[in-house]
């Protein structure tokens, strides 16, 4: 039995992770988990999976749950996330499925505990890749991606040697506005932005997909996960989301991974790695006139993807600013404080106007992350 320590249980990835775990009750035990404010769902998880430790977002909710479940250990807030990630002396997997920069510190502490990491939290590597990867090597832990694109690349890389890789290709659905011209984006609504054509995801990542910053994050992730230079990492629009990633080798052979868009597939692959198991998920059906189309991504149409390449080339504190500005801007957009194109403007202005800091420490990253978010939120929420 493998112990699972789950961050972000009430989010889209968290719920699907719980679904996979429930299918393999002979293989996995949920030891600890976190939710933010979804206390009702936390109660359901506790009753079904009988975890030993739980984190919620605030103290008041923690006290209520302690009264109802006295046999469970509770914690709350950012420290609670670390408590979940490092709970018990037993081994197992930390499944990091929280959204945002709050996922960084729990990942670091879990690595130091020599706990393997299954990563769905993009921000961990976007802002902390320079710190995380040396720690992974130092403590000799596995870091496996849950993202469908990186899971695909991981599988395609099994077909050859690293020095034989010519390039990797990350596919993109194009998001909710893939068929709109930039001029049309001035008038799009929040509801339209949240209507992803292929995937059912959390609100924040759905907006990230619409702006294509999500793909910029994935390029940065791939750079660290697979230790490849940026010029070997490409992106392409593939509207059907059937091919999730490809690897081209030096002899011209292209290996592609295909699957129905269902996040339980990469989650299950990571949990069972390096093994596979039969499941009941839908399969690709070539009898249904399956169409596979590809389009080059216009970086003028999606400037945040272009900026992402620039940010990771320069590194330093810029990835932290890039991510923090996005988190703040998306929050404002979801609260109806700004328009969709304002997200781009906020991110670009903050990155372009920043003074870079080379080799930032974890203290630097946390400080700058907080400063950028507070500055942006204060400016727009006061209006």
Protein backbone atom coordinates (compact mmCIF):
# COMPACT_ATOMS: atom_id res chain seq x y z
CA UNK A 1 0.00 0.00 0.00
CA UNK A 2 1.26 3.45 -0.93
CA UNK A 3 0.44 6.44 1.29
CA UNK A 4 -1.00 9.53 -0.41
CA UNK A 5 -0.66 13.07 0.98
CA UNK A 6 -2.96 15.24 -1.13
CA UNK A 7 -2.85 19.02 -1.40
CA UNK A 8 -5.91 20.63 -3.01
CA UNK A 9 -8.41 17.81 -2.59
CA UNK A 10 -11.45 19.94 -3.42
CA UNK A 11 -10.11 21.23 -6.75
CA UNK A 12 -10.56 19.62 -10.15
CA UNK A 13 -7.31 17.62 -10.03
CA UNK A 14 -7.81 16.78 -6.37
CA UNK A 15 -11.28 15.35 -6.94
CA UNK A 16 -10.08 13.28 -9.87
CA UNK A 17 -7.13 12.04 -7.80
CA UNK A 18 -9.59 10.87 -5.16
CA UNK A 19 -11.59 9.12 -7.87
CA UNK A 20 -8.48 7.26 -9.03
CA UNK A 21 -7.51 6.36 -5.46
CA UNK A 22 -11.00 4.98 -4.84
CA UNK A 23 -10.55 2.69 -7.84
CA UNK A 24 -7.36 1.25 -6.34
CA UNK A 25 -8.19 0.85 -2.67
CA UNK A 26 -5.84 -2.12 -2.52
CA UNK A 27 -2.91 0.08 -3.60
CA UNK A 28 -3.38 3.52 -2.00
CA UNK A 29 -4.24 4.98 1.39
CA UNK A 30 -5.13 8.65 1.83
CA UNK A 31 -3.09 9.72 4.86
CA UNK A 32 -3.66 13.46 4.76
CA UNK A 33 -5.29 16.09 2.58
CA UNK A 34 -6.07 19.79 2.35
CA UNK A 35 -9.04 21.80 1.22
CA UNK A 36 -9.50 25.54 1.44
CA UNK A 37 -13.05 26.53 2.42
CA UNK A 38 -15.06 23.59 1.11
CA UNK A 39 -15.78 22.14 4.53
CA UNK A 40 -18.73 20.04 3.34
CA UNK A 41 -16.53 18.24 0.85
CA UNK A 42 -13.85 17.80 3.52
CA UNK A 43 -16.40 15.98 5.66
CA UNK A 44 -17.24 13.67 2.76
CA UNK A 45 -13.57 12.81 2.25
CA UNK A 46 -13.01 12.17 5.95
CA UNK A 47 -15.99 9.81 6.14
CA UNK A 48 -15.04 7.93 2.97
CA UNK A 49 -11.24 7.71 3.18
CA UNK A 50 -10.59 7.94 6.95
CA UNK A 51 -7.44 10.12 6.73
CA UNK A 52 -5.33 10.83 9.79
CA UNK A 53 -4.64 14.52 9.16
CA UNK A 54 -6.56 17.35 7.44
CA UNK A 55 -5.84 21.01 6.63
CA UNK A 56 -8.48 23.67 5.95
CA UNK A 57 -8.14 27.30 4.97
CA UNK A 58 -9.01 29.04 8.22
CA UNK A 59 -9.01 28.55 11.97
CA UNK A 60 -12.79 28.76 12.45
CA UNK A 61 -13.46 25.87 10.06
CA UNK A 62 -10.71 23.85 11.70
CA UNK A 63 -12.33 24.20 15.13
CA UNK A 64 -15.71 23.05 13.79
CA UNK A 65 -14.19 20.00 12.15
CA UNK A 66 -12.16 19.13 15.25
CA UNK A 67 -15.38 18.99 17.25
CA UNK A 68 -17.05 16.68 14.71
CA UNK A 69 -14.02 14.46 14.05
CA UNK A 70 -11.98 14.29 17.28
CA UNK A 71 -10.00 11.31 16.00
CA UNK A 72 -8.49 13.37 13.16
CA UNK A 73 -5.53 15.74 13.47
CA UNK A 74 -6.29 19.18 11.99
CA UNK A 75 -4.30 22.18 10.84
CA UNK A 76 -5.05 25.31 8.81
CA UNK A 77 -3.63 27.95 6.48
CA UNK A 78 -0.30 27.94 4.69
CA UNK A 79 1.43 26.13 7.55
CA UNK A 80 -1.31 23.52 7.34
CA UNK A 81 -0.32 22.79 3.73
CA UNK A 82 3.20 22.04 4.92
CA UNK A 83 1.77 19.90 7.72
CA UNK A 84 -0.18 17.83 5.18
CA UNK A 85 2.84 17.48 2.88
CA UNK A 86 5.15 16.32 5.66
CA UNK A 87 2.70 14.37 7.80
CA UNK A 88 3.95 11.07 9.33
CA UNK A 89 7.31 9.37 9.05
CA UNK A 90 6.05 6.87 6.51
CA UNK A 91 6.92 7.12 2.82
CA UNK A 92 4.47 7.77 0.02
CA UNK A 93 3.53 10.35 -2.59
CA UNK A 94 2.81 14.01 -2.13
CA UNK A 95 0.19 14.87 -4.75
CA UNK A 96 0.41 18.64 -5.12
CA UNK A 97 -2.83 19.80 -6.76
CA UNK A 98 -3.22 23.25 -5.19
CA UNK A 99 -3.37 26.36 -7.35
CA UNK A 100 -0.79 29.11 -7.11
CA UNK A 101 2.52 29.87 -5.46
CA UNK A 102 1.32 28.43 -2.13
CA UNK A 103 2.33 25.05 -3.54
CA UNK A 104 6.06 25.82 -3.47
CA UNK A 105 6.97 25.56 0.22
CA UNK A 106 5.04 22.32 0.90
CA UNK A 107 6.81 20.73 -2.08
CA UNK A 108 10.23 21.79 -0.80
CA UNK A 109 9.52 20.45 2.69
CA UNK A 110 8.18 17.15 1.33
CA UNK A 111 11.31 16.70 -0.80
CA UNK A 112 13.47 17.30 2.27
CA UNK A 113 11.50 14.50 3.91
CA UNK A 114 12.52 12.31 0.94
CA UNK A 115 8.94 12.02 -0.23
CA UNK A 116 8.23 11.48 -3.94
CA UNK A 117 6.30 14.30 -5.63
CA UNK A 118 3.42 14.00 -8.10
CA UNK A 119 3.09 17.53 -9.40
CA UNK A 120 0.03 19.25 -10.81
CA UNK A 121 0.91 22.63 -9.28
CA UNK A 122 2.61 24.39 -12.19
CA UNK A 123 3.73 27.33 -10.10
CA UNK A 124 6.14 25.20 -8.06
CA UNK A 125 8.51 24.83 -11.00
CA UNK A 126 7.65 28.14 -12.68
CA UNK A 127 8.85 30.18 -9.71
CA UNK A 128 11.02 27.63 -7.92
CA UNK A 129 12.53 25.41 -10.58
CA UNK A 130 16.07 26.60 -9.85
CA UNK A 131 15.64 25.51 -6.23
CA UNK A 132 13.44 22.43 -6.65
CA UNK A 133 15.48 20.43 -9.16
CA UNK A 134 18.75 20.50 -7.14
CA UNK A 135 16.76 19.38 -4.09
CA UNK A 136 15.21 16.51 -6.07
CA UNK A 137 18.72 15.36 -6.95
CA UNK A 138 20.13 15.92 -3.46
CA UNK A 139 17.41 13.94 -1.69
CA UNK A 140 17.09 11.35 -4.47
CA UNK A 141 13.32 11.61 -4.86
CA UNK A 142 11.10 11.16 -7.90
CA UNK A 143 9.29 14.15 -9.36
CA UNK A 144 6.55 13.00 -11.71
CA UNK A 145 4.21 15.31 -13.64
CA UNK A 146 0.44 15.04 -13.53
CA UNK A 147 -0.18 17.58 -16.32
CA UNK A 148 -1.43 15.71 -19.38
CA UNK A 149 1.18 17.38 -21.60
CA UNK A 150 4.18 16.58 -19.41
CA UNK A 151 2.91 13.09 -18.72
CA UNK A 152 2.76 12.63 -22.50
CA UNK A 153 6.31 13.90 -22.98
CA UNK A 154 7.55 11.65 -20.18
CA UNK A 155 6.06 8.63 -21.94
CA UNK A 156 7.40 9.65 -25.36
CA UNK A 157 10.90 10.06 -23.94
CA UNK A 158 10.95 6.35 -23.12
CA UNK A 159 11.41 5.71 -26.84
CA UNK A 160 14.98 7.02 -27.01
CA UNK A 161 17.96 8.52 -25.21
CA UNK A 162 18.05 12.09 -23.98
CA UNK A 163 20.93 13.05 -26.27
CA UNK A 164 18.88 11.76 -29.21
CA UNK A 165 16.06 14.25 -28.61
CA UNK A 166 15.81 16.91 -31.31
CA UNK A 167 12.80 18.72 -29.81
CA UNK A 168 9.70 18.20 -27.72
CA UNK A 169 6.32 19.56 -28.77
CA UNK A 170 3.64 20.54 -26.27
CA UNK A 171 0.15 20.71 -27.71
CA UNK A 172 -2.38 23.40 -26.82
CA UNK A 173 -6.14 23.36 -27.29
CA UNK A 174 -6.11 27.12 -27.77
CA UNK A 175 -8.55 27.68 -24.93
CA UNK A 176 -11.99 29.23 -24.97
CA UNK A 177 -11.03 32.00 -27.41
CA UNK A 178 -8.97 30.06 -29.92
CA UNK A 179 -11.27 31.06 -32.80
CA UNK A 180 -11.45 34.74 -31.90
CA UNK A 181 -9.29 37.55 -33.27
CA UNK A 182 -7.60 39.93 -30.84
CA UNK A 183 -10.08 42.67 -31.64
CA UNK A 184 -12.92 40.41 -30.46
CA UNK A 185 -11.23 39.79 -27.11
CA UNK A 186 -12.04 43.33 -25.96
CA UNK A 187 -15.62 42.34 -25.34
CA UNK A 188 -15.47 38.75 -24.02
CA UNK A 189 -17.13 37.92 -20.71
CA UNK A 190 -15.96 35.92 -17.72
CA UNK A 191 -18.53 33.25 -18.53
CA UNK A 192 -17.16 32.90 -22.06
CA UNK A 193 -13.60 32.64 -20.75
CA UNK A 194 -14.60 29.85 -18.38
CA UNK A 195 -16.22 27.81 -21.14
CA UNK A 196 -13.30 25.60 -22.19
CA UNK A 197 -14.12 23.54 -25.29
CA UNK A 198 -12.27 20.33 -24.28
CA UNK A 199 -11.46 20.15 -20.57
CA UNK A 200 -13.33 20.54 -17.30
CA UNK A 201 -10.84 22.36 -15.10
CA UNK A 202 -10.68 24.81 -12.21
CA UNK A 203 -11.55 28.46 -12.82
CA UNK A 204 -8.01 29.82 -12.59
CA UNK A 205 -6.41 27.32 -14.96
CA UNK A 206 -9.29 27.74 -17.42
CA UNK A 207 -8.59 31.48 -17.60
CA UNK A 208 -4.87 30.70 -17.94
CA UNK A 209 -5.73 28.48 -20.89
CA UNK A 210 -7.73 31.26 -22.54
CA UNK A 211 -4.83 33.72 -22.23
CA UNK A 212 -2.32 30.97 -23.17
CA UNK A 213 -0.11 31.78 -20.19
CA UNK A 214 -0.87 28.22 -19.15
CA UNK A 215 1.22 27.07 -22.12
CA UNK A 216 4.03 29.43 -21.12
CA UNK A 217 4.01 27.82 -17.68
CA UNK A 218 4.17 24.39 -19.29
CA UNK A 219 7.20 25.38 -21.37
CA UNK A 220 8.96 26.49 -18.19
CA UNK A 221 7.94 23.28 -16.42
CA UNK A 222 9.24 21.16 -19.28
CA UNK A 223 12.57 22.98 -19.21
CA UNK A 224 13.07 21.86 -15.61
CA UNK A 225 11.36 18.47 -15.66
CA UNK A 226 13.25 17.17 -18.68
CA UNK A 227 16.41 19.29 -18.38
CA UNK A 228 16.14 20.57 -21.94
CA UNK A 229 17.13 23.97 -23.35
CA UNK A 230 14.28 26.30 -24.23
CA UNK A 231 15.10 26.17 -27.95
CA UNK A 232 14.18 22.47 -27.93
CA UNK A 233 10.71 23.07 -26.46
CA UNK A 234 7.96 24.01 -28.91
CA UNK A 235 4.21 24.48 -28.74
CA UNK A 236 1.49 23.94 -31.30
CA UNK A 237 -2.30 24.30 -31.36
CA UNK A 238 -4.12 20.99 -31.57
CA UNK A 239 -7.80 21.73 -31.07
CA UNK A 240 -8.94 18.18 -30.45
CA UNK A 241 -6.69 17.58 -27.40
CA UNK A 242 -6.13 13.96 -28.44
CA UNK A 243 -2.36 14.22 -28.90
CA UNK A 244 -1.01 15.65 -25.64
CA UNK A 245 2.68 15.81 -26.45
CA UNK A 246 5.31 14.67 -28.93
CA UNK A 247 9.04 14.04 -29.02
CA UNK A 248 11.06 14.27 -32.19
CA UNK A 249 14.34 12.40 -32.27
CA UNK A 250 17.44 13.25 -34.28
CA UNK A 251 16.61 10.65 -36.95
CA UNK A 252 13.33 12.44 -37.72
CA UNK A 253 11.09 9.94 -35.94
CA UNK A 254 8.24 11.61 -34.05
CA UNK A 255 6.70 9.81 -31.08
CA UNK A 256 3.26 11.06 -30.01
CA UNK A 257 1.10 10.15 -27.02
CA UNK A 258 -2.65 10.05 -27.64
CA UNK A 259 -5.59 9.74 -25.26
CA UNK A 260 -9.09 11.07 -24.72
CA UNK A 261 -8.96 14.35 -22.73
CA UNK A 262 -9.46 12.95 -19.23
CA UNK A 263 -7.16 14.05 -16.40
CA UNK A 264 -7.61 10.75 -14.60
CA UNK A 265 -5.36 9.18 -17.23
CA UNK A 266 -2.17 11.13 -16.39
CA UNK A 267 -3.04 11.05 -12.68
CA UNK A 268 -3.32 7.27 -12.78
CA UNK A 269 -0.12 6.97 -14.83
CA UNK A 270 1.80 8.99 -12.23
CA UNK A 271 0.34 7.06 -9.29
CA UNK A 272 1.10 3.66 -10.84
CA UNK A 273 4.39 4.65 -12.55
CA UNK A 274 6.16 2.85 -14.14
CA UNK A 275 3.30 0.35 -14.42
CA UNK A 276 -0.07 0.54 -16.16
CA UNK A 277 -3.43 -0.95 -15.36
CA UNK A 278 -6.69 -1.57 -17.16
CA UNK A 279 -9.37 1.04 -16.55
CA UNK A 280 -12.87 2.01 -17.64
CA UNK A 281 -12.00 5.40 -19.13
CA UNK A 282 -13.02 6.23 -22.69
CA UNK A 283 -10.51 5.26 -25.36
CA UNK A 284 -9.56 6.88 -28.67
CA UNK A 285 -11.90 5.51 -31.34
CA UNK A 286 -10.49 5.75 -34.87
CA UNK A 287 -13.80 4.52 -36.33
CA UNK A 288 -15.48 7.83 -35.45
CA UNK A 289 -13.88 9.85 -38.27
CA UNK A 290 -11.25 11.13 -35.87
CA UNK A 291 -9.79 14.45 -36.97
CA UNK A 292 -6.32 15.60 -35.89
CA UNK A 293 -5.45 19.15 -36.89
CA UNK A 294 -2.49 21.37 -36.03
CA UNK A 295 -1.83 25.11 -36.27
CA UNK A 296 1.22 27.21 -35.57
CA UNK A 297 0.71 29.46 -32.55
CA UNK A 298 0.72 33.14 -33.41
CA UNK A 299 2.82 34.77 -30.68
CA UNK A 300 1.39 38.17 -31.53
CA UNK A 301 -2.09 36.77 -30.89
CA UNK A 302 -0.89 35.16 -27.63
CA UNK A 303 1.79 37.54 -26.27
CA UNK A 304 1.96 35.87 -22.84
CA UNK A 305 3.38 32.72 -24.42
CA UNK A 306 6.06 34.81 -26.11
CA UNK A 307 6.79 36.57 -22.81
CA UNK A 308 7.10 33.21 -21.07
CA UNK A 309 9.98 32.24 -23.36
CA UNK A 310 11.69 35.56 -22.62
CA UNK A 311 11.20 35.18 -18.87
CA UNK A 312 12.71 31.71 -18.64
CA UNK A 313 15.68 32.73 -20.78
CA UNK A 314 16.50 35.48 -18.29
CA UNK A 315 15.39 33.55 -15.16
CA UNK A 316 16.24 35.18 -11.83
CA UNK A 317 13.19 36.69 -10.14
CA UNK A 318 11.33 37.31 -13.40
CA UNK A 319 9.43 33.98 -13.38
CA UNK A 320 8.13 34.85 -9.91
CA UNK A 321 6.93 38.26 -11.12
CA UNK A 322 5.42 36.65 -14.24
CA UNK A 323 3.43 34.21 -12.14
CA UNK A 324 2.47 36.59 -9.32
CA UNK A 325 1.15 39.20 -11.74
CA UNK A 326 -0.93 36.51 -13.43
CA UNK A 327 -2.38 35.20 -10.16
CA UNK A 328 -3.38 38.72 -9.16
CA UNK A 329 -4.77 39.64 -12.59
CA UNK A 330 -6.84 36.46 -12.90
CA UNK A 331 -8.25 37.04 -9.43
CA UNK A 332 -9.29 40.55 -10.46
CA UNK A 333 -10.84 39.26 -13.68
CA UNK A 334 -12.82 36.57 -11.88
CA UNK A 335 -14.07 39.25 -9.46
CA UNK A 336 -15.19 41.42 -12.40
CA UNK A 337 -12.66 44.15 -11.58
CA UNK A 338 -10.89 44.14 -14.96
CA UNK A 339 -11.48 43.03 -18.55
CA UNK A 340 -9.91 39.98 -20.14
CA UNK A 341 -7.20 41.83 -22.10
CA UNK A 342 -6.24 43.70 -18.94
CA UNK A 343 -4.74 40.43 -17.72
CA UNK A 344 -2.09 40.63 -20.44
CA UNK A 345 -1.45 44.32 -19.84
CA UNK A 346 -0.92 43.82 -16.10
CA UNK A 347 1.47 40.91 -16.56
CA UNK A 348 3.50 42.47 -19.36
CA UNK A 349 3.86 45.83 -17.61
CA UNK A 350 5.00 44.25 -14.35
CA UNK A 351 7.55 41.96 -16.02
CA UNK A 352 8.89 44.60 -18.41
CA UNK A 353 9.15 47.18 -15.64
CA UNK A 354 10.93 44.91 -13.18
CA UNK A 355 14.56 44.93 -12.17
CA UNK A 356 15.78 41.35 -12.30
CA UNK A 357 17.40 39.63 -9.35
CA UNK A 358 19.72 36.76 -10.21
CA UNK A 359 19.80 33.58 -8.12
CA UNK A 360 16.92 34.51 -5.77
CA UNK A 361 16.58 32.63 -2.50
CA UNK A 362 13.33 31.12 -1.32
CA UNK A 363 12.96 34.19 0.92
CA UNK A 364 13.34 36.46 -2.12
CA UNK A 365 10.75 34.49 -4.08
CA UNK A 366 8.18 34.59 -1.27
CA UNK A 367 8.78 38.31 -0.65
CA UNK A 368 8.53 39.36 -4.31
CA UNK A 369 5.51 37.11 -4.89
CA UNK A 370 3.68 38.85 -2.04
CA UNK A 371 4.78 42.36 -3.04
CA UNK A 372 3.67 42.01 -6.66
CA UNK A 373 0.27 40.59 -5.77
CA UNK A 374 -0.41 43.21 -3.12
CA UNK A 375 0.64 46.05 -5.43
CA UNK A 376 -1.63 44.92 -8.26
CA UNK A 377 -4.64 44.07 -6.10
CA UNK A 378 -4.37 47.32 -4.19
CA UNK A 379 -4.24 49.37 -7.39
CA UNK A 380 -7.36 47.84 -8.95
CA UNK A 381 -9.43 47.02 -5.91
CA UNK A 382 -9.22 50.64 -4.74
CA UNK A 383 -10.78 51.80 -8.01
